[in-house]
Amino acid sequence: MTATTELAPAPRDPEGEVAPPRKRKQLTKLVGMTVALGAVLAILLAIFILPSLKSGPTDLPVGLVGSSQEADRFEEALTASAPGAYHVQEFTDQATLVEAVRGREVVGGFVVGPNGVHSVVASAGGGAIAQSVSATAQAIGTAMGVPVTTDDVVALPTTDPSGIGIGGLAFPLVFGGIVPVVAFRTAFARSNTWKLVGLLTFSVVGGLVVATVLRFPFGSIDSAFLPVAGAMALGIAAMAFPLTGLQEAFGGKGFTIGAMSMMFLGNPFAGIATTAAWLPTGLGAFGQILPPGATGTLVRSVAYFGGTGGLTAGLTLGAWVVVGLAVHAIGTRRTRKAARAVAAAEVAVA
């Protein structure tokens, strides 16, 4: 009995002719690159869309004021209507709750009494969260058959009631951190000192420009001009200095990896428009480690809350600047050492 082996048909070109070896190789490369780029596109879509698609209230810290019986009844209704959405903390009175919201201990709260349900929100801390708290109060109050009122204790400016100005900072921030690195490295290719001075100068100027636009044309901030400018300057520096450090230490590949990480991870996970608390669990915390997310938190804190809640973000950005300068110093030393070795080798050959 003779075994037979079926051979796979030879690849053919678009005209149906058997493709020669070179064409087969090119065709294989074409198919491989197309599949790989399609996979990259799918991953990018997931990275940018999933955070918004899966966002929502999850264990948001809220306060509750009311008598023991009223509070228990409301908390049961809250758990039933929005399971897992809120983590309730009880407060003694409405004034204490309001101070906790302004101090960013909680994102909002509910006051339950004989006159109905009263929600306390801070739209400046995140419009989506404020709407969620007020909508939840409305739904429960309607189910209980009592009137519902809302008090926005830290409101957004009337000239930008949706918070579009602060929410749109992600792309300008990424642009301000990436492009100057390329520009100043090209302009001062032979001087690291002037390159670093250029990045520092641009960070300060960029912060002032953003604060000016937010304050005057957009009306997104009523005051705190210099704190907002400082927060933006620190955010730009926290992106620019690590990127120039990676460029100096690892060349173009280091810069490319760093820039892509900031753009494709730092940007979608920053939560600048909604705050990190609105993002899926874990992604919000991860985004706050990266400069875009930390900058958004710091800007919002100094713009509307007098800096409250911005300490961790400020320290995070400062750490990025320090790490960037350290990596740059290591890269500079490595470059000089290599240059001396080449010079020594040339002298030895001569």
C-alpha atoms as a PDB file:
ATOM      1  CA  MET A   1       0.000   0.000   0.000  1.00  0.00           C
ATOM      2  CA  THR A   2       1.481   3.307  -1.029  1.00  0.00           C
ATOM      3  CA  ALA A   3       0.968   6.400   1.159  1.00  0.00           C
ATOM      4  CA  THR A   4       0.182   9.589  -0.666  1.00  0.00           C
ATOM      5  CA  THR A   5       0.900  13.095   0.546  1.00  0.00           C
ATOM      6  CA  GLU A   6      -1.265  16.006  -0.533  1.00  0.00           C
ATOM      7  CA  LEU A   7       0.740  19.120  -1.174  1.00  0.00           C
ATOM      8  CA  ALA A   8      -0.702  22.523  -0.414  1.00  0.00           C
ATOM      9  CA  PRO A   9      -1.379  24.507  -3.580  1.00  0.00           C
ATOM     10  CA  ALA A  10       1.274  27.064  -4.426  1.00  0.00           C
ATOM     11  CA  PRO A  11       0.350  30.666  -3.648  1.00  0.00           C
ATOM     12  CA  ARG A  12      -1.008  32.565  -6.597  1.00  0.00           C
ATOM     13  CA  ASP A  13      -0.865  36.254  -7.449  1.00  0.00           C
ATOM     14  CA  PRO A  14      -4.009  38.399  -7.961  1.00  0.00           C
ATOM     15  CA  GLU A  15      -4.119  37.340 -11.658  1.00  0.00           C
ATOM     16  CA  GLY A  16      -4.353  33.666 -10.663  1.00  0.00           C
ATOM     17  CA  GLU A  17      -0.872  32.738 -11.833  1.00  0.00           C
ATOM     18  CA  VAL A  18       1.479  30.747  -9.628  1.00  0.00           C
ATOM     19  CA  ALA A  19       3.505  33.303  -7.714  1.00  0.00           C
ATOM     20  CA  PRO A  20       7.275  33.076  -8.057  1.00  0.00           C
ATOM     21  CA  PRO A  21       9.317  32.739  -4.809  1.00  0.00           C
ATOM     22  CA  ARG A  22       9.985  36.481  -4.537  1.00  0.00           C
ATOM     23  CA  LYS A  23       6.325  37.339  -5.040  1.00  0.00           C
ATOM     24  CA  ARG A  24       5.316  34.674  -2.530  1.00  0.00           C
ATOM     25  CA  LYS A  25       7.621  36.240   0.037  1.00  0.00           C
ATOM     26  CA  GLN A  26       6.204  39.712  -0.595  1.00  0.00           C
ATOM     27  CA  LEU A  27       2.658  38.374  -0.442  1.00  0.00           C
ATOM     28  CA  THR A  28       3.356  36.672   2.883  1.00  0.00           C
ATOM     29  CA  LYS A  29       4.842  39.900   4.242  1.00  0.00           C
ATOM     30  CA  LEU A  30       1.808  41.866   3.037  1.00  0.00           C
ATOM     31  CA  VAL A  31      -0.632  39.508   4.744  1.00  0.00           C
ATOM     32  CA  GLY A  32       1.417  39.412   7.948  1.00  0.00           C
ATOM     33  CA  MET A  33       1.724  43.188   8.213  1.00  0.00           C
ATOM     34  CA  THR A  34      -1.981  43.667   7.482  1.00  0.00           C
ATOM     35  CA  VAL A  35      -2.994  41.226  10.209  1.00  0.00           C
ATOM     36  CA  ALA A  36      -0.541  42.737  12.690  1.00  0.00           C
ATOM     37  CA  LEU A  37      -1.691  46.321  12.025  1.00  0.00           C
ATOM     38  CA  GLY A  38      -5.315  45.208  12.290  1.00  0.00           C
ATOM     39  CA  ALA A  39      -4.565  43.720  15.697  1.00  0.00           C
ATOM     40  CA  VAL A  40      -2.867  46.952  16.783  1.00  0.00           C
ATOM     41  CA  LEU A  41      -5.908  48.926  15.645  1.00  0.00           C
ATOM     42  CA  ALA A  42      -8.207  46.649  17.655  1.00  0.00           C
ATOM     43  CA  ILE A  43      -6.022  47.080  20.747  1.00  0.00           C
ATOM     44  CA  LEU A  44      -6.008  50.870  20.378  1.00  0.00           C
ATOM     45  CA  LEU A  45      -9.786  50.914  20.026  1.00  0.00           C
ATOM     46  CA  ALA A  46     -10.079  48.855  23.200  1.00  0.00           C
ATOM     47  CA  ILE A  47      -7.678  51.127  25.087  1.00  0.00           C
ATOM     48  CA  PHE A  48      -9.475  54.328  24.105  1.00  0.00           C
ATOM     49  CA  ILE A  49     -13.090  53.128  24.161  1.00  0.00           C
ATOM     50  CA  LEU A  50     -13.265  50.611  27.010  1.00  0.00           C
ATOM     51  CA  PRO A  51     -12.488  53.131  29.795  1.00  0.00           C
ATOM     52  CA  SER A  52     -15.471  55.234  28.717  1.00  0.00           C
ATOM     53  CA  LEU A  53     -17.672  52.246  27.948  1.00  0.00           C
ATOM     54  CA  LYS A  54     -17.067  50.635  31.339  1.00  0.00           C
ATOM     55  CA  SER A  55     -16.996  53.853  33.373  1.00  0.00           C
ATOM     56  CA  GLY A  56     -19.564  54.584  36.036  1.00  0.00           C
ATOM     57  CA  PRO A  57     -20.098  54.852  39.788  1.00  0.00           C
ATOM     58  CA  THR A  58     -18.259  52.153  41.706  1.00  0.00           C
ATOM     59  CA  ASP A  59     -17.787  52.465  45.477  1.00  0.00           C
ATOM     60  CA  LEU A  60     -17.927  56.250  45.282  1.00  0.00           C
ATOM     61  CA  PRO A  61     -17.547  57.665  48.818  1.00  0.00           C
ATOM     62  CA  VAL A  62     -20.718  59.545  49.756  1.00  0.00           C
ATOM     63  CA  GLY A  63     -22.025  60.941  53.005  1.00  0.00           C
ATOM     64  CA  LEU A  64     -25.408  60.331  54.621  1.00  0.00           C
ATOM     65  CA  VAL A  65     -27.166  62.494  57.212  1.00  0.00           C
ATOM     66  CA  GLY A  66     -30.379  61.529  58.960  1.00  0.00           C
ATOM     67  CA  SER A  67     -31.894  59.892  61.976  1.00  0.00           C
ATOM     68  CA  SER A  68     -31.049  56.263  62.540  1.00  0.00           C
ATOM     69  CA  GLN A  69     -34.341  55.002  61.144  1.00  0.00           C
ATOM     70  CA  GLU A  70     -34.379  57.366  58.157  1.00  0.00           C
ATOM     71  CA  ALA A  71     -30.726  56.687  57.332  1.00  0.00           C
ATOM     72  CA  ASP A  72     -31.207  52.921  57.470  1.00  0.00           C
ATOM     73  CA  ARG A  73     -34.249  53.119  55.238  1.00  0.00           C
ATOM     74  CA  PHE A  74     -32.473  55.327  52.721  1.00  0.00           C
ATOM     75  CA  GLU A  75     -29.331  53.187  52.703  1.00  0.00           C
ATOM     76  CA  GLU A  76     -31.396  50.085  51.965  1.00  0.00           C
ATOM     77  CA  ALA A  77     -33.068  51.897  49.074  1.00  0.00           C
ATOM     78  CA  LEU A  78     -29.652  53.118  47.867  1.00  0.00           C
ATOM     79  CA  THR A  79     -28.222  49.605  47.881  1.00  0.00           C
ATOM     80  CA  ALA A  80     -31.241  48.280  46.016  1.00  0.00           C
ATOM     81  CA  SER A  81     -31.333  51.021  43.359  1.00  0.00           C
ATOM     82  CA  ALA A  82     -27.569  51.306  42.777  1.00  0.00           C
ATOM     83  CA  PRO A  83     -25.787  48.198  44.054  1.00  0.00           C
ATOM     84  CA  GLY A  84     -22.034  48.656  44.385  1.00  0.00           C
ATOM     85  CA  ALA A  85     -22.173  52.258  43.233  1.00  0.00           C
ATOM     86  CA  TYR A  86     -21.601  54.004  46.567  1.00  0.00           C
ATOM     87  CA  HIS A  87     -19.714  53.574  49.793  1.00  0.00           C
ATOM     88  CA  VAL A  88     -21.731  55.312  52.496  1.00  0.00           C
ATOM     89  CA  GLN A  89     -20.264  57.265  55.409  1.00  0.00           C
ATOM     90  CA  GLU A  90     -22.577  58.728  58.037  1.00  0.00           C
ATOM     91  CA  PHE A  91     -22.280  62.347  59.194  1.00  0.00           C
ATOM     92  CA  THR A  92     -23.926  64.102  62.116  1.00  0.00           C
ATOM     93  CA  ASP A  93     -25.379  67.064  60.236  1.00  0.00           C
ATOM     94  CA  GLN A  94     -25.588  68.771  56.857  1.00  0.00           C
ATOM     95  CA  ALA A  95     -22.906  71.369  57.638  1.00  0.00           C
ATOM     96  CA  THR A  96     -20.382  68.623  58.407  1.00  0.00           C
ATOM     97  CA  LEU A  97     -21.308  66.838  55.188  1.00  0.00           C
ATOM     98  CA  VAL A  98     -20.861  70.019  53.152  1.00  0.00           C
ATOM     99  CA  GLU A  99     -17.399  70.569  54.630  1.00  0.00           C
ATOM    100  CA  ALA A 100     -16.489  66.963  53.816  1.00  0.00           C
ATOM    101  CA  VAL A 101     -17.531  67.479  50.194  1.00  0.00           C
ATOM    102  CA  ARG A 102     -15.539  70.704  49.940  1.00  0.00           C
ATOM    103  CA  GLY A 103     -12.586  68.947  51.558  1.00  0.00           C
ATOM    104  CA  ARG A 104     -12.914  66.088  49.030  1.00  0.00           C
ATOM    105  CA  GLU A 105     -13.389  63.462  51.722  1.00  0.00           C
ATOM    106  CA  VAL A 106     -16.547  62.381  49.891  1.00  0.00           C
ATOM    107  CA  VAL A 107     -17.778  63.149  46.375  1.00  0.00           C
ATOM    108  CA  GLY A 108     -21.274  64.082  47.531  1.00  0.00           C
ATOM    109  CA  GLY A 109     -23.963  63.034  49.914  1.00  0.00           C
ATOM    110  CA  PHE A 110     -27.592  62.784  50.973  1.00  0.00           C
ATOM    111  CA  VAL A 111     -29.532  64.451  53.755  1.00  0.00           C
ATOM    112  CA  VAL A 112     -32.694  62.545  54.688  1.00  0.00           C
ATOM    113  CA  GLY A 113     -35.348  64.127  56.874  1.00  0.00           C
ATOM    114  CA  PRO A 114     -39.034  64.903  57.301  1.00  0.00           C
ATOM    115  CA  ASN A 115     -38.845  67.424  54.449  1.00  0.00           C
ATOM    116  CA  GLY A 116     -37.597  64.873  51.940  1.00  0.00           C
ATOM    117  CA  VAL A 117     -34.237  63.986  50.382  1.00  0.00           C
ATOM    118  CA  HIS A 118     -31.573  66.634  49.847  1.00  0.00           C
ATOM    119  CA  SER A 119     -28.489  65.782  47.768  1.00  0.00           C
ATOM    120  CA  VAL A 120     -25.176  67.610  48.179  1.00  0.00           C
ATOM    121  CA  VAL A 121     -22.891  67.583  45.146  1.00  0.00           C
ATOM    122  CA  ALA A 122     -19.747  69.280  43.814  1.00  0.00           C
ATOM    123  CA  SER A 123     -19.967  69.564  40.028  1.00  0.00           C
ATOM    124  CA  ALA A 124     -16.448  71.040  39.941  1.00  0.00           C
ATOM    125  CA  GLY A 125     -15.169  67.706  41.235  1.00  0.00           C
ATOM    126  CA  GLY A 126     -16.657  65.853  38.267  1.00  0.00           C
ATOM    127  CA  GLY A 127     -19.858  66.544  36.399  1.00  0.00           C
ATOM    128  CA  ALA A 128     -20.667  62.879  35.812  1.00  0.00           C
ATOM    129  CA  ILE A 129     -20.355  62.083  39.514  1.00  0.00           C
ATOM    130  CA  ALA A 130     -22.505  65.062  40.528  1.00  0.00           C
ATOM    131  CA  GLN A 131     -25.189  64.029  38.051  1.00  0.00           C
ATOM    132  CA  SER A 132     -25.074  60.446  39.312  1.00  0.00           C
ATOM    133  CA  VAL A 133     -25.535  61.499  42.958  1.00  0.00           C
ATOM    134  CA  SER A 134     -28.371  63.901  42.181  1.00  0.00           C
ATOM    135  CA  ALA A 135     -30.091  61.406  39.860  1.00  0.00           C
ATOM    136  CA  THR A 136     -29.873  58.699  42.519  1.00  0.00           C
ATOM    137  CA  ALA A 137     -31.414  61.034  45.099  1.00  0.00           C
ATOM    138  CA  GLN A 138     -34.192  61.905  42.663  1.00  0.00           C
ATOM    139  CA  ALA A 139     -34.949  58.256  41.926  1.00  0.00           C
ATOM    140  CA  ILE A 140     -35.040  57.219  45.591  1.00  0.00           C
ATOM    141  CA  GLY A 141     -37.009  60.285  46.645  1.00  0.00           C
ATOM    142  CA  THR A 142     -39.578  59.621  43.942  1.00  0.00           C
ATOM    143  CA  ALA A 143     -39.877  55.992  45.026  1.00  0.00           C
ATOM    144  CA  MET A 144     -40.328  57.093  48.648  1.00  0.00           C
ATOM    145  CA  GLY A 145     -42.842  59.714  47.641  1.00  0.00           C
ATOM    146  CA  VAL A 146     -40.945  62.665  49.129  1.00  0.00           C
ATOM    147  CA  PRO A 147     -39.627  65.892  47.580  1.00  0.00           C
ATOM    148  CA  VAL A 148     -36.007  66.042  46.397  1.00  0.00           C
ATOM    149  CA  THR A 149     -33.669  69.044  46.316  1.00  0.00           C
ATOM    150  CA  THR A 150     -30.023  69.459  45.299  1.00  0.00           C
ATOM    151  CA  ASP A 151     -27.275  71.798  46.495  1.00  0.00           C
ATOM    152  CA  ASP A 152     -24.108  72.227  44.407  1.00  0.00           C
ATOM    153  CA  VAL A 153     -21.590  73.361  47.023  1.00  0.00           C
ATOM    154  CA  VAL A 154     -18.582  73.577  44.655  1.00  0.00           C
ATOM    155  CA  ALA A 155     -20.072  74.547  41.334  1.00  0.00           C
ATOM    156  CA  LEU A 156     -18.371  75.011  37.985  1.00  0.00           C
ATOM    157  CA  PRO A 157     -18.207  78.573  36.636  1.00  0.00           C
ATOM    158  CA  THR A 158     -21.381  79.772  34.933  1.00  0.00           C
ATOM    159  CA  THR A 159     -19.308  80.541  31.820  1.00  0.00           C
ATOM    160  CA  ASP A 160     -18.331  76.850  31.533  1.00  0.00           C
ATOM    161  CA  PRO A 161     -21.050  74.916  33.385  1.00  0.00           C
ATOM    162  CA  SER A 162     -20.102  71.611  31.729  1.00  0.00           C
ATOM    163  CA  GLY A 163     -16.409  71.794  32.612  1.00  0.00           C
ATOM    164  CA  ILE A 164     -15.365  71.428  28.968  1.00  0.00           C
ATOM    165  CA  GLY A 165     -12.243  73.560  29.429  1.00  0.00           C
ATOM    166  CA  ILE A 166     -10.652  71.402  32.130  1.00  0.00           C
ATOM    167  CA  GLY A 167     -11.968  68.230  30.515  1.00  0.00           C
ATOM    168  CA  GLY A 168     -10.225  69.018  27.228  1.00  0.00           C
ATOM    169  CA  LEU A 169      -6.709  69.339  28.631  1.00  0.00           C
ATOM    170  CA  ALA A 170      -5.565  65.811  27.781  1.00  0.00           C
ATOM    171  CA  PHE A 171      -4.447  66.346  24.189  1.00  0.00           C
ATOM    172  CA  PRO A 172      -2.806  69.792  24.692  1.00  0.00           C
ATOM    173  CA  LEU A 173      -0.944  68.324  27.655  1.00  0.00           C
ATOM    174  CA  VAL A 174       0.383  65.359  25.673  1.00  0.00           C
ATOM    175  CA  PHE A 175       1.286  67.646  22.770  1.00  0.00           C
ATOM    176  CA  GLY A 176       3.040  70.060  25.116  1.00  0.00           C
ATOM    177  CA  GLY A 177       5.090  67.257  26.601  1.00  0.00           C
ATOM    178  CA  ILE A 178       6.151  65.478  23.397  1.00  0.00           C
ATOM    179  CA  VAL A 179       6.670  68.054  20.649  1.00  0.00           C
ATOM    180  CA  PRO A 180       9.058  70.398  22.563  1.00  0.00           C
ATOM    181  CA  VAL A 181      11.396  67.471  23.230  1.00  0.00           C
ATOM    182  CA  VAL A 182      11.825  66.959  19.504  1.00  0.00           C
ATOM    183  CA  ALA A 183      12.018  70.689  18.765  1.00  0.00           C
ATOM    184  CA  PHE A 184      14.624  71.582  21.381  1.00  0.00           C
ATOM    185  CA  ARG A 185      16.746  68.517  20.704  1.00  0.00           C
ATOM    186  CA  THR A 186      16.879  69.538  17.041  1.00  0.00           C
ATOM    187  CA  ALA A 187      17.572  73.192  17.817  1.00  0.00           C
ATOM    188  CA  PHE A 188      20.250  72.492  20.451  1.00  0.00           C
ATOM    189  CA  ALA A 189      21.726  69.210  19.241  1.00  0.00           C
ATOM    190  CA  ARG A 190      25.154  70.037  20.662  1.00  0.00           C
ATOM    191  CA  SER A 191      24.101  71.549  23.988  1.00  0.00           C
ATOM    192  CA  ASN A 192      22.247  69.569  26.628  1.00  0.00           C
ATOM    193  CA  THR A 193      22.181  72.614  28.889  1.00  0.00           C
ATOM    194  CA  TRP A 194      20.318  74.791  26.406  1.00  0.00           C
ATOM    195  CA  LYS A 195      18.007  71.906  25.550  1.00  0.00           C
ATOM    196  CA  LEU A 196      17.008  71.430  29.193  1.00  0.00           C
ATOM    197  CA  VAL A 197      16.660  75.177  29.736  1.00  0.00           C
ATOM    198  CA  GLY A 198      14.436  75.308  26.666  1.00  0.00           C
ATOM    199  CA  LEU A 199      12.181  72.559  28.028  1.00  0.00           C
ATOM    200  CA  LEU A 200      11.945  74.265  31.413  1.00  0.00           C
ATOM    201  CA  THR A 201      11.147  77.610  29.800  1.00  0.00           C
ATOM    202  CA  PHE A 202       8.496  76.097  27.577  1.00  0.00           C
ATOM    203  CA  SER A 203       6.917  74.313  30.552  1.00  0.00           C
ATOM    204  CA  VAL A 204       6.463  77.626  32.352  1.00  0.00           C
ATOM    205  CA  VAL A 205       5.247  79.459  29.242  1.00  0.00           C
ATOM    206  CA  GLY A 206       2.957  76.568  28.321  1.00  0.00           C
ATOM    207  CA  GLY A 207       1.404  76.614  31.784  1.00  0.00           C
ATOM    208  CA  LEU A 208       0.759  80.354  31.515  1.00  0.00           C
ATOM    209  CA  VAL A 209      -0.748  79.972  28.040  1.00  0.00           C
ATOM    210  CA  VAL A 210      -3.142  77.225  29.142  1.00  0.00           C
ATOM    211  CA  ALA A 211      -4.185  79.157  32.259  1.00  0.00           C
ATOM    212  CA  THR A 212      -4.785  82.283  30.161  1.00  0.00           C
ATOM    213  CA  VAL A 213      -6.991  80.411  27.705  1.00  0.00           C
ATOM    214  CA  LEU A 214      -8.944  78.724  30.525  1.00  0.00           C
ATOM    215  CA  ARG A 215      -9.399  82.002  32.395  1.00  0.00           C
ATOM    216  CA  PHE A 216     -10.304  84.469  29.667  1.00  0.00           C
ATOM    217  CA  PRO A 217     -11.581  83.025  26.351  1.00  0.00           C
ATOM    218  CA  PHE A 218     -13.181  79.896  27.892  1.00  0.00           C
ATOM    219  CA  GLY A 219     -14.085  81.147  31.375  1.00  0.00           C
ATOM    220  CA  SER A 220     -13.368  77.682  32.786  1.00  0.00           C
ATOM    221  CA  ILE A 221     -11.763  79.122  35.919  1.00  0.00           C
ATOM    222  CA  ASP A 222     -12.829  82.176  37.900  1.00  0.00           C
ATOM    223  CA  SER A 223      -9.633  82.581  39.889  1.00  0.00           C
ATOM    224  CA  ALA A 224      -6.507  80.606  40.860  1.00  0.00           C
ATOM    225  CA  PHE A 225      -4.774  81.714  37.662  1.00  0.00           C
ATOM    226  CA  LEU A 226      -1.214  81.238  38.917  1.00  0.00           C
ATOM    227  CA  PRO A 227      -1.900  77.906  40.696  1.00  0.00           C
ATOM    228  CA  VAL A 228      -3.447  76.522  37.507  1.00  0.00           C
ATOM    229  CA  ALA A 229      -0.514  77.811  35.457  1.00  0.00           C
ATOM    230  CA  GLY A 230       1.912  76.216  37.910  1.00  0.00           C
ATOM    231  CA  ALA A 231       0.060  72.897  37.854  1.00  0.00           C
ATOM    232  CA  MET A 232       0.081  72.821  34.051  1.00  0.00           C
ATOM    233  CA  ALA A 233       3.756  73.797  33.932  1.00  0.00           C
ATOM    234  CA  LEU A 234       4.596  70.945  36.304  1.00  0.00           C
ATOM    235  CA  GLY A 235       2.521  68.551  34.202  1.00  0.00           C
ATOM    236  CA  ILE A 236       4.277  69.531  30.968  1.00  0.00           C
ATOM    237  CA  ALA A 237       7.669  69.205  32.650  1.00  0.00           C
ATOM    238  CA  ALA A 238       6.705  65.805  34.073  1.00  0.00           C
ATOM    239  CA  MET A 239       6.196  64.579  30.514  1.00  0.00           C
ATOM    240  CA  ALA A 240       8.991  66.431  28.737  1.00  0.00           C
ATOM    241  CA  PHE A 241      11.917  65.649  31.060  1.00  0.00           C
ATOM    242  CA  PRO A 242      11.370  61.861  31.200  1.00  0.00           C
ATOM    243  CA  LEU A 243      11.010  61.774  27.407  1.00  0.00           C
ATOM    244  CA  THR A 244      14.195  63.738  26.806  1.00  0.00           C
ATOM    245  CA  GLY A 245      15.917  61.505  29.354  1.00  0.00           C
ATOM    246  CA  LEU A 246      14.819  58.386  27.478  1.00  0.00           C
ATOM    247  CA  GLN A 247      16.006  59.985  24.243  1.00  0.00           C
ATOM    248  CA  GLU A 248      19.418  60.717  25.739  1.00  0.00           C
ATOM    249  CA  ALA A 249      19.823  57.314  27.369  1.00  0.00           C
ATOM    250  CA  PHE A 250      18.316  54.985  24.778  1.00  0.00           C
ATOM    251  CA  GLY A 251      18.077  57.010  21.591  1.00  0.00           C
ATOM    252  CA  GLY A 252      15.075  57.264  19.312  1.00  0.00           C
ATOM    253  CA  LYS A 253      13.633  53.945  20.443  1.00  0.00           C
ATOM    254  CA  GLY A 254      13.518  55.077  24.055  1.00  0.00           C
ATOM    255  CA  PHE A 255      11.780  58.317  23.115  1.00  0.00           C
ATOM    256  CA  THR A 256       9.281  56.523  20.868  1.00  0.00           C
ATOM    257  CA  ILE A 257       8.316  53.999  23.545  1.00  0.00           C
ATOM    258  CA  GLY A 258       7.946  56.755  26.134  1.00  0.00           C
ATOM    259  CA  ALA A 259       5.899  59.003  23.858  1.00  0.00           C
ATOM    260  CA  MET A 260       3.605  56.165  22.798  1.00  0.00           C
ATOM    261  CA  SER A 261       3.078  55.178  26.432  1.00  0.00           C
ATOM    262  CA  MET A 262       2.072  58.724  27.344  1.00  0.00           C
ATOM    263  CA  MET A 263      -0.219  59.017  24.330  1.00  0.00           C
ATOM    264  CA  PHE A 264      -1.846  55.590  24.271  1.00  0.00           C
ATOM    265  CA  LEU A 265      -1.886  54.796  28.010  1.00  0.00           C
ATOM    266  CA  GLY A 266      -1.598  58.090  29.850  1.00  0.00           C
ATOM    267  CA  ASN A 267      -4.216  59.837  27.703  1.00  0.00           C
ATOM    268  CA  PRO A 268      -7.182  57.402  27.816  1.00  0.00           C
ATOM    269  CA  PHE A 269      -6.595  56.439  31.462  1.00  0.00           C
ATOM    270  CA  ALA A 270      -6.134  60.018  32.690  1.00  0.00           C
ATOM    271  CA  GLY A 271      -9.785  60.599  33.530  1.00  0.00           C
ATOM    272  CA  ILE A 272      -9.314  64.343  33.130  1.00  0.00           C
ATOM    273  CA  ALA A 273     -12.867  64.971  31.934  1.00  0.00           C
ATOM    274  CA  THR A 274     -14.609  62.734  34.486  1.00  0.00           C
ATOM    275  CA  THR A 275     -11.954  62.299  37.246  1.00  0.00           C
ATOM    276  CA  ALA A 276     -10.264  58.987  37.978  1.00  0.00           C
ATOM    277  CA  ALA A 277     -13.021  57.893  40.374  1.00  0.00           C
ATOM    278  CA  TRP A 278     -15.394  57.489  37.422  1.00  0.00           C
ATOM    279  CA  LEU A 279     -13.108  55.093  35.522  1.00  0.00           C
ATOM    280  CA  PRO A 280     -13.197  51.314  35.979  1.00  0.00           C
ATOM    281  CA  THR A 281     -11.555  50.063  39.163  1.00  0.00           C
ATOM    282  CA  GLY A 282      -7.795  49.858  38.731  1.00  0.00           C
ATOM    283  CA  LEU A 283      -7.598  51.841  35.501  1.00  0.00           C
ATOM    284  CA  GLY A 284      -8.253  55.112  37.292  1.00  0.00           C
ATOM    285  CA  ALA A 285      -5.520  54.405  39.835  1.00  0.00           C
ATOM    286  CA  PHE A 286      -3.108  53.398  37.076  1.00  0.00           C
ATOM    287  CA  GLY A 287      -3.846  56.588  35.163  1.00  0.00           C
ATOM    288  CA  GLN A 288      -2.999  58.686  38.203  1.00  0.00           C
ATOM    289  CA  ILE A 289       0.535  57.280  38.218  1.00  0.00           C
ATOM    290  CA  LEU A 290       1.177  58.721  34.756  1.00  0.00           C
ATOM    291  CA  PRO A 291       1.681  62.466  34.158  1.00  0.00           C
ATOM    292  CA  PRO A 292      -1.543  63.188  32.211  1.00  0.00           C
ATOM    293  CA  GLY A 293      -3.790  61.784  34.931  1.00  0.00           C
ATOM    294  CA  ALA A 294      -1.848  63.362  37.782  1.00  0.00           C
ATOM    295  CA  THR A 295      -1.867  66.722  35.987  1.00  0.00           C
ATOM    296  CA  GLY A 296      -5.631  66.624  35.503  1.00  0.00           C
ATOM    297  CA  THR A 297      -6.153  65.909  39.199  1.00  0.00           C
ATOM    298  CA  LEU A 298      -3.782  68.675  40.289  1.00  0.00           C
ATOM    299  CA  VAL A 299      -5.305  71.263  37.941  1.00  0.00           C
ATOM    300  CA  ARG A 300      -8.839  70.468  39.121  1.00  0.00           C
ATOM    301  CA  SER A 301      -7.733  70.604  42.759  1.00  0.00           C
ATOM    302  CA  VAL A 302      -6.051  74.011  42.551  1.00  0.00           C
ATOM    303  CA  ALA A 303      -8.701  75.467  40.229  1.00  0.00           C
ATOM    304  CA  TYR A 304     -11.770  74.665  42.314  1.00  0.00           C
ATOM    305  CA  PHE A 305     -10.777  73.263  45.716  1.00  0.00           C
ATOM    306  CA  GLY A 306      -7.906  75.473  46.809  1.00  0.00           C
ATOM    307  CA  GLY A 307      -5.424  72.662  46.258  1.00  0.00           C
ATOM    308  CA  THR A 308      -7.244  70.145  48.465  1.00  0.00           C
ATOM    309  CA  GLY A 309      -6.748  66.620  47.145  1.00  0.00           C
ATOM    310  CA  GLY A 310      -3.849  67.555  44.910  1.00  0.00           C
ATOM    311  CA  LEU A 311      -0.848  66.714  47.102  1.00  0.00           C
ATOM    312  CA  THR A 312      -0.361  63.163  45.838  1.00  0.00           C
ATOM    313  CA  ALA A 313      -0.709  64.292  42.231  1.00  0.00           C
ATOM    314  CA  GLY A 314       1.825  67.084  42.762  1.00  0.00           C
ATOM    315  CA  LEU A 315       4.335  64.701  44.344  1.00  0.00           C
ATOM    316  CA  THR A 316       3.807  62.234  41.503  1.00  0.00           C
ATOM    317  CA  LEU A 317       4.579  64.881  38.888  1.00  0.00           C
ATOM    318  CA  GLY A 318       7.623  66.061  40.837  1.00  0.00           C
ATOM    319  CA  ALA A 319       8.893  62.482  40.949  1.00  0.00           C
ATOM    320  CA  TRP A 320       8.557  62.191  37.168  1.00  0.00           C
ATOM    321  CA  VAL A 321      10.639  65.345  36.693  1.00  0.00           C
ATOM    322  CA  VAL A 322      13.364  64.065  39.024  1.00  0.00           C
ATOM    323  CA  VAL A 323      13.431  60.629  37.386  1.00  0.00           C
ATOM    324  CA  GLY A 324      13.598  62.238  33.947  1.00  0.00           C
ATOM    325  CA  LEU A 325      16.570  64.376  34.915  1.00  0.00           C
ATOM    326  CA  ALA A 326      18.295  61.368  36.500  1.00  0.00           C
ATOM    327  CA  VAL A 327      17.829  59.253  33.359  1.00  0.00           C
ATOM    328  CA  HIS A 328      19.090  62.161  31.251  1.00  0.00           C
ATOM    329  CA  ALA A 329      22.212  62.452  33.432  1.00  0.00           C
ATOM    330  CA  ILE A 330      22.863  58.718  33.056  1.00  0.00           C
ATOM    331  CA  GLY A 331      22.457  58.955  29.295  1.00  0.00           C
ATOM    332  CA  THR A 332      24.768  61.960  29.085  1.00  0.00           C
ATOM    333  CA  ARG A 333      27.454  60.191  31.095  1.00  0.00           C
ATOM    334  CA  ARG A 334      27.139  57.090  28.917  1.00  0.00           C
ATOM    335  CA  THR A 335      27.460  59.178  25.738  1.00  0.00           C
ATOM    336  CA  ARG A 336      30.545  60.982  27.003  1.00  0.00           C
ATOM    337  CA  LYS A 337      32.145  57.717  28.099  1.00  0.00           C
ATOM    338  CA  ALA A 338      31.534  56.204  24.671  1.00  0.00           C
ATOM    339  CA  ALA A 339      32.967  59.292  22.980  1.00  0.00           C
ATOM    340  CA  ARG A 340      36.125  59.102  25.115  1.00  0.00           C
ATOM    341  CA  ALA A 341      36.505  55.409  24.285  1.00  0.00           C
ATOM    342  CA  VAL A 342      36.225  56.129  20.563  1.00  0.00           C
ATOM    343  CA  ALA A 343      38.755  58.956  20.846  1.00  0.00           C
ATOM    344  CA  ALA A 344      41.173  56.713  22.747  1.00  0.00           C
ATOM    345  CA  ALA A 345      40.809  54.001  20.118  1.00  0.00           C
ATOM    346  CA  GLU A 346      41.537  56.490  17.331  1.00  0.00           C
ATOM    347  CA  VAL A 347      44.645  57.704  19.151  1.00  0.00           C
ATOM    348  CA  ALA A 348      45.826  54.116  19.644  1.00  0.00           C
ATOM    349  CA  VAL A 349      45.374  53.343  15.948  1.00  0.00           C
ATOM    350  CA  ALA A 350      47.201  56.533  14.943  1.00  0.00           C
END
